[in-house]
Amino acid sequence: MYFDTHAHYDDEKFDADRETLLPLVHASGVEYIVDPGCDEVSSRAAIALAEQYPFVYAAVGVHPEELTGWSGRLDAIRKLTAHPKCVAIGEIGLDYYWDASHKEEQKALFCAQLELALALDKPVIVHDREAHGDCFEIVCEYPDIRGVFHCYSGSAEMAKELVKRGWYLGFDGPVTYKNARKTLEVLDITPLERLLIETDSPYLSPVPRRGQRNDSRNLAFIAQKIAEVKGISGEELARISLENGKRLFSLA
């Protein structure tokens, strides 16, 4: 059984077949899915999916690419967190790949949502793209926050420090790519009890499905690659990552 801790089934790429696909995903052995929001609209959509499907849970938040008018939207995000199937604040963080010209605004948005998570005692799902130093510095200012660095792409040294502080690291389809040397180095030093597996569906399909629309049934390819690095079976890796996800998101 698998836990896809990061999949965007609210994305328009699933509009044509979402209602047939999600039951198939669950029947394939995916026990839980967390669908993270990226703004108020997608956060509401994630909540709606969680209401419709017992195995889907939601995270709500404002992604760093959604800076415009963010301060006025945090009240709506706070209200959404009251839903019983909202298990985290996310996806939040910093992204200097798409926009390196508004770093201070991104930091302010990130900190505001970390403070919200702290006040509500909820974990966070962190998006960190080409902003590793700033992301690490900011989360270290909130030592009581727990959460996951989604699709981890930082250094092995930063990974060591994060897991020391109780963070989880999420691994996605790129772990299966030919150029995954850096990711494999990180994976090698990540304790089994601190790793999660994700698809980031509909994006980042693993080999051998690279280039196709991703969905949670592809977790098996990710789990098998990680298991090979860790010297355990794919089934054991699936079990461990499932328990890790349940622990982080407080699921029975």
Protein backbone atom coordinates (compact mmCIF):
# COMPACT_ATOMS: atom_id res chain seq x y z
CA MET A 1 0.00 0.00 0.00
CA TYR A 2 1.24 3.46 -0.93
CA PHE A 3 0.80 7.02 0.30
CA ASP A 4 1.16 9.72 -2.35
CA THR A 5 1.91 12.69 -0.13
CA HIS A 6 1.81 15.25 -2.97
CA ALA A 7 -0.51 15.06 -5.99
CA HIS A 8 -2.52 17.82 -7.66
CA TYR A 9 -5.72 16.06 -8.73
CA ASP A 10 -7.47 19.42 -8.77
CA ASP A 11 -5.32 20.31 -11.82
CA GLU A 12 -7.17 20.90 -15.09
CA LYS A 13 -5.18 18.09 -16.71
CA PHE A 14 -7.45 15.69 -14.81
CA ASP A 15 -10.72 17.38 -15.74
CA ALA A 16 -11.60 14.86 -18.45
CA ASP A 17 -11.28 11.68 -16.38
CA ARG A 18 -10.80 12.56 -12.70
CA GLU A 19 -13.94 10.75 -11.53
CA THR A 20 -12.93 7.49 -13.21
CA LEU A 21 -9.20 7.79 -12.49
CA LEU A 22 -9.23 8.34 -8.73
CA PRO A 23 -11.13 5.11 -7.91
CA LEU A 24 -8.68 3.22 -10.17
CA VAL A 25 -5.74 4.80 -8.35
CA HIS A 26 -7.15 3.75 -4.98
CA ALA A 27 -7.90 0.23 -6.21
CA SER A 28 -4.29 -0.08 -7.42
CA GLY A 29 -3.00 0.09 -3.84
CA VAL A 30 -2.71 3.81 -3.12
CA GLU A 31 -4.20 4.05 0.36
CA TYR A 32 -3.88 7.82 0.88
CA ILE A 33 -3.32 10.94 -1.21
CA VAL A 34 -2.65 14.51 -0.08
CA ASP A 35 -3.69 17.16 -2.61
CA PRO A 36 -1.99 20.50 -1.83
CA GLY A 37 -3.47 23.83 -2.84
CA CYS A 38 -1.46 26.60 -4.48
CA ASP A 39 -3.92 29.47 -3.98
CA GLU A 40 -7.41 29.98 -2.60
CA VAL A 41 -9.15 28.46 -5.64
CA SER A 42 -7.04 25.31 -5.79
CA SER A 43 -7.14 24.95 -2.00
CA ARG A 44 -10.95 24.96 -2.14
CA ALA A 45 -10.80 22.42 -4.97
CA ALA A 46 -8.51 20.19 -2.89
CA ILE A 47 -10.97 20.35 0.02
CA ALA A 48 -13.81 19.44 -2.35
CA LEU A 49 -11.92 16.37 -3.58
CA ALA A 50 -11.20 15.36 0.01
CA GLU A 51 -14.92 15.58 0.75
CA GLN A 52 -15.74 13.41 -2.26
CA TYR A 53 -13.09 10.69 -1.81
CA PRO A 54 -12.42 9.14 1.62
CA PHE A 55 -8.78 8.38 0.73
CA VAL A 56 -7.96 11.96 -0.38
CA TYR A 57 -6.85 14.64 2.08
CA ALA A 58 -6.14 18.31 1.45
CA ALA A 59 -3.48 20.87 2.24
CA VAL A 60 -4.24 24.56 1.79
CA GLY A 61 -1.90 27.44 1.13
CA VAL A 62 -0.51 30.07 -1.21
CA HIS A 63 2.35 29.05 -3.51
CA PRO A 64 5.25 31.52 -3.93
CA GLU A 65 4.24 32.11 -7.56
CA GLU A 66 0.87 33.47 -6.35
CA LEU A 67 2.16 36.66 -4.74
CA THR A 68 -0.42 39.15 -5.99
CA GLY A 69 -2.68 40.24 -3.15
CA TRP A 70 -1.57 37.37 -0.95
CA SER A 71 -2.12 39.13 2.37
CA GLY A 72 -5.81 39.50 1.65
CA ARG A 73 -6.16 35.78 0.92
CA LEU A 74 -4.69 34.39 4.13
CA ASP A 75 -7.96 34.81 6.03
CA ALA A 76 -9.63 32.53 3.50
CA ILE A 77 -6.81 30.00 3.83
CA ARG A 78 -7.13 30.10 7.61
CA LYS A 79 -10.86 29.38 7.36
CA LEU A 80 -10.20 26.39 5.07
CA THR A 81 -7.86 24.87 7.64
CA ALA A 82 -10.86 24.24 9.89
CA HIS A 83 -12.07 21.50 7.58
CA PRO A 84 -11.53 18.09 9.21
CA LYS A 85 -9.75 16.74 6.13
CA CYS A 86 -7.26 19.60 5.90
CA VAL A 87 -4.05 18.01 7.17
CA ALA A 88 -1.38 20.62 6.35
CA ILE A 89 -0.49 24.10 5.15
CA GLY A 90 0.92 23.89 1.65
CA GLU A 91 2.26 24.12 -0.78
CA ILE A 92 4.24 27.09 0.46
CA GLY A 93 7.84 28.24 0.22
CA LEU A 94 10.20 30.04 -2.14
CA ASP A 95 10.75 29.78 -5.90
CA TYR A 96 13.63 31.74 -7.41
CA TYR A 97 13.54 29.76 -10.66
CA TRP A 98 10.43 31.50 -11.94
CA ASP A 99 10.81 34.77 -10.07
CA ALA A 100 13.99 36.00 -8.43
CA SER A 101 12.90 39.64 -8.50
CA HIS A 102 10.46 39.48 -5.56
CA LYS A 103 12.48 37.58 -2.99
CA GLU A 104 11.47 39.69 -0.02
CA GLU A 105 7.76 39.40 -0.87
CA GLN A 106 8.12 35.62 -1.21
CA LYS A 107 9.86 35.43 2.16
CA ALA A 108 7.10 37.48 3.81
CA LEU A 109 4.43 35.17 2.36
CA PHE A 110 6.36 32.06 3.44
CA CYS A 111 6.86 33.34 7.00
CA ALA A 112 3.21 34.37 7.34
CA GLN A 113 2.11 30.84 6.45
CA LEU A 114 4.68 29.21 8.71
CA GLU A 115 3.30 31.31 11.55
CA LEU A 116 -0.22 30.21 10.60
CA ALA A 117 0.87 26.56 10.69
CA LEU A 118 2.54 27.08 14.04
CA ALA A 119 -0.57 28.72 15.49
CA LEU A 120 -2.78 25.89 14.21
CA ASP A 121 -0.32 23.09 15.05
CA LYS A 122 -0.33 21.80 11.46
CA PRO A 123 2.58 20.49 9.39
CA VAL A 124 3.74 22.29 6.26
CA ILE A 125 4.55 21.23 2.71
CA VAL A 126 7.52 23.29 1.51
CA HIS A 127 8.21 24.19 -2.12
CA ASP A 128 11.90 25.07 -2.51
CA ARG A 129 13.17 25.74 -6.03
CA GLU A 130 16.60 27.31 -6.39
CA ALA A 131 16.11 29.00 -3.01
CA HIS A 132 17.79 26.45 -0.76
CA GLY A 133 19.78 28.79 1.45
CA ASP A 134 16.89 31.14 2.14
CA CYS A 135 14.41 28.29 2.70
CA PHE A 136 16.74 26.61 5.17
CA GLU A 137 17.45 29.85 7.01
CA ILE A 138 13.75 30.64 7.34
CA VAL A 139 12.61 27.22 8.56
CA CYS A 140 15.40 27.25 11.14
CA GLU A 141 13.73 30.35 12.61
CA TYR A 142 10.69 28.15 13.37
CA PRO A 143 12.15 25.16 15.22
CA ASP A 144 8.74 23.90 16.34
CA ILE A 145 7.41 23.59 12.79
CA ARG A 146 7.19 20.09 11.33
CA GLY A 147 6.75 19.17 7.70
CA VAL A 148 8.23 17.98 4.43
CA PHE A 149 10.48 19.54 1.82
CA HIS A 150 8.51 18.48 -1.25
CA CYS A 151 10.50 17.11 -4.22
CA TYR A 152 13.72 17.78 -2.34
CA SER A 153 16.42 19.28 -4.59
CA GLY A 154 18.91 20.75 -2.11
CA SER A 155 22.31 19.43 -1.12
CA ALA A 156 23.10 16.36 0.95
CA GLU A 157 24.57 18.64 3.62
CA MET A 158 21.32 20.61 3.91
CA ALA A 159 19.35 17.35 3.95
CA LYS A 160 21.38 16.14 6.93
CA GLU A 161 20.60 19.31 8.84
CA LEU A 162 16.91 19.16 7.99
CA VAL A 163 16.44 15.58 9.14
CA LYS A 164 18.31 16.42 12.35
CA ARG A 165 15.62 19.03 12.94
CA GLY A 166 12.84 16.51 12.35
CA TRP A 167 11.94 17.35 8.75
CA TYR A 168 10.82 14.82 6.15
CA LEU A 169 12.13 14.83 2.57
CA GLY A 170 9.87 14.05 -0.38
CA PHE A 171 11.18 12.07 -3.36
CA ASP A 172 9.43 12.09 -6.74
CA GLY A 173 9.89 10.88 -10.32
CA PRO A 174 13.26 12.62 -10.83
CA VAL A 175 14.89 10.00 -8.58
CA THR A 176 14.48 7.62 -11.54
CA TYR A 177 16.10 9.93 -14.13
CA LYS A 178 19.56 9.36 -15.61
CA ASN A 179 20.84 12.69 -14.26
CA ALA A 180 19.70 11.94 -10.69
CA ARG A 181 23.21 11.68 -9.19
CA LYS A 182 22.66 14.53 -6.70
CA THR A 183 19.24 13.21 -5.68
CA LEU A 184 20.68 9.74 -5.15
CA GLU A 185 23.39 11.21 -2.91
CA VAL A 186 20.68 12.86 -0.81
CA LEU A 187 18.65 9.67 -0.75
CA ASP A 188 21.66 7.70 0.41
CA ILE A 189 22.01 9.78 3.59
CA THR A 190 18.27 10.18 4.30
CA PRO A 191 17.07 7.87 7.09
CA LEU A 192 14.22 5.61 6.07
CA GLU A 193 12.06 7.09 8.82
CA ARG A 194 12.40 10.57 7.27
CA LEU A 195 11.50 9.95 3.64
CA LEU A 196 8.19 10.26 1.81
CA ILE A 197 7.27 9.28 -1.74
CA GLU A 198 5.29 11.62 -3.98
CA THR A 199 4.27 11.95 -7.60
CA ASP A 200 3.51 15.68 -7.93
CA SER A 201 0.88 14.51 -10.41
CA PRO A 202 0.23 15.45 -13.16
CA TYR A 203 3.90 16.45 -13.36
CA LEU A 204 7.30 14.71 -13.01
CA SER A 205 6.38 11.26 -14.32
CA PRO A 206 9.05 8.68 -13.47
CA VAL A 207 10.89 6.46 -15.90
CA PRO A 208 9.45 4.51 -17.76
CA ARG A 209 6.45 6.88 -17.97
CA ARG A 210 8.47 10.08 -18.39
CA GLY A 211 6.78 12.52 -20.74
CA GLN A 212 3.30 11.20 -19.97
CA ARG A 213 0.72 12.60 -17.58
CA ASN A 214 1.61 11.40 -14.11
CA ASP A 215 -0.71 9.80 -11.56
CA SER A 216 -0.33 8.00 -8.26
CA ARG A 217 -0.16 4.54 -9.82
CA ASN A 218 3.41 5.45 -10.78
CA LEU A 219 4.50 5.48 -7.13
CA ALA A 220 5.65 1.88 -7.60
CA PHE A 221 8.45 3.00 -9.95
CA ILE A 222 9.62 5.63 -7.47
CA ALA A 223 9.44 3.24 -4.54
CA GLN A 224 11.38 0.54 -6.41
CA LYS A 225 14.22 2.93 -7.28
CA ILE A 226 14.47 4.18 -3.70
CA ALA A 227 14.34 0.61 -2.41
CA GLU A 228 17.28 -0.35 -4.64
CA VAL A 229 19.36 2.49 -3.19
CA LYS A 230 18.37 1.54 0.36
CA GLY A 231 18.88 -2.19 -0.13
CA ILE A 232 15.34 -3.21 0.80
CA SER A 233 12.32 -4.46 -1.11
CA GLY A 234 9.88 -2.17 -2.83
CA GLU A 235 7.13 -3.50 -0.60
CA GLU A 236 9.07 -2.62 2.54
CA LEU A 237 9.82 0.86 1.22
CA ALA A 238 6.13 1.36 0.46
CA ARG A 239 5.19 0.27 3.99
CA ILE A 240 7.75 2.54 5.66
CA SER A 241 6.84 5.60 3.59
CA LEU A 242 3.13 4.95 4.21
CA GLU A 243 3.71 4.94 7.97
CA ASN A 244 5.87 8.06 7.70
CA GLY A 245 3.11 9.91 5.85
CA LYS A 246 0.47 8.82 8.33
CA ARG A 247 2.65 10.02 11.19
CA LEU A 248 3.40 13.42 9.64
CA PHE A 249 -0.21 14.13 8.70
CA SER A 250 -1.72 12.59 11.86
CA LEU A 251 -3.76 9.95 10.06
CA ALA A 252 -4.84 6.85 11.95
